Amino acid sequence: HGGQSAVSDGTQPAMLVLSGGEGYIDFRV
């Protein structure tokens, strides 16, 4: 979601991704 992700794993239900120095929760289903 949102476009760019620091991780390309996607195995975990929710992971913290750092984007431009900002931390947001990226939920992958």
N, C-alpha and C. Protein backbone atom coordinates (compact mmCIF):
# COMPACT_ATOMS: atom_id res chain seq x y z
N HIS A 1 0.84 -1.19 0.00
CA HIS A 1 0.00 0.00 0.00
C HIS A 1 0.88 1.25 0.00
N GLY A 2 0.40 2.29 -0.63
CA GLY A 2 1.12 3.54 -0.62
C GLY A 2 2.25 3.60 -1.64
N GLY A 3 2.61 2.45 -2.20
CA GLY A 3 3.64 2.46 -3.25
C GLY A 3 4.92 1.79 -2.82
N GLN A 4 5.86 2.58 -2.31
CA GLN A 4 7.19 2.04 -2.01
C GLN A 4 7.22 1.34 -0.66
N SER A 5 7.93 0.22 -0.61
CA SER A 5 8.09 -0.53 0.62
C SER A 5 9.56 -0.92 0.78
N ALA A 6 10.03 -0.87 2.00
CA ALA A 6 11.43 -1.21 2.26
C ALA A 6 11.61 -2.72 2.24
N VAL A 7 10.49 -3.42 2.40
CA VAL A 7 10.55 -4.88 2.41
C VAL A 7 9.71 -5.45 1.28
N SER A 8 10.14 -6.57 0.74
CA SER A 8 9.39 -7.21 -0.34
C SER A 8 9.04 -8.63 0.05
N ASP A 9 8.99 -8.87 1.36
CA ASP A 9 8.74 -10.21 1.88
C ASP A 9 7.24 -10.49 1.86
N GLY A 10 6.49 -9.76 2.70
CA GLY A 10 5.03 -9.86 2.68
C GLY A 10 4.49 -11.11 3.33
N THR A 11 5.33 -11.82 4.11
CA THR A 11 4.87 -13.05 4.74
C THR A 11 4.20 -12.75 6.08
N GLN A 12 4.59 -11.64 6.69
CA GLN A 12 4.02 -11.26 7.98
C GLN A 12 2.75 -10.43 7.76
N PRO A 13 1.76 -10.60 8.64
CA PRO A 13 0.48 -9.89 8.52
C PRO A 13 0.64 -8.38 8.64
N ALA A 14 1.57 -7.95 9.49
CA ALA A 14 1.79 -6.52 9.66
C ALA A 14 3.26 -6.27 9.95
N MET A 15 3.86 -5.32 9.23
CA MET A 15 5.28 -5.05 9.42
C MET A 15 5.53 -3.55 9.37
N LEU A 16 6.56 -3.13 10.09
CA LEU A 16 6.87 -1.70 10.13
C LEU A 16 7.83 -1.36 9.00
N VAL A 17 7.39 -0.47 8.12
CA VAL A 17 8.21 -0.10 6.97
C VAL A 17 8.61 1.36 7.09
N LEU A 18 9.90 1.60 6.88
CA LEU A 18 10.40 2.97 6.95
C LEU A 18 10.37 3.59 5.56
N SER A 19 9.61 4.64 5.41
CA SER A 19 9.51 5.29 4.11
C SER A 19 9.87 6.77 4.27
N GLY A 20 11.01 7.14 3.72
CA GLY A 20 11.44 8.54 3.78
C GLY A 20 11.66 9.02 5.20
N GLY A 21 12.02 8.09 6.10
CA GLY A 21 12.27 8.46 7.48
C GLY A 21 11.00 8.41 8.32
N GLU A 22 9.89 8.09 7.68
CA GLU A 22 8.63 7.99 8.41
C GLU A 22 8.27 6.53 8.62
N GLY A 23 7.82 6.20 9.81
CA GLY A 23 7.46 4.82 10.11
C GLY A 23 5.96 4.63 10.02
N TYR A 24 5.51 3.68 9.23
CA TYR A 24 4.09 3.39 9.13
C TYR A 24 3.88 1.89 9.05
N ILE A 25 2.73 1.45 9.51
CA ILE A 25 2.43 0.02 9.49
C ILE A 25 1.83 -0.36 8.15
N ASP A 26 2.47 -1.32 7.49
CA ASP A 26 1.98 -1.79 6.20
C ASP A 26 1.34 -3.16 6.35
N PHE A 27 0.02 -3.23 6.21
CA PHE A 27 -0.70 -4.48 6.37
C PHE A 27 -0.80 -5.21 5.03
N ARG A 28 -0.24 -6.41 5.00
CA ARG A 28 -0.29 -7.20 3.78
C ARG A 28 -1.21 -8.40 4.00
N VAL A 29 -2.14 -8.62 3.09
CA VAL A 29 -3.08 -9.72 3.24
C VAL A 29 -2.85 -10.76 2.17
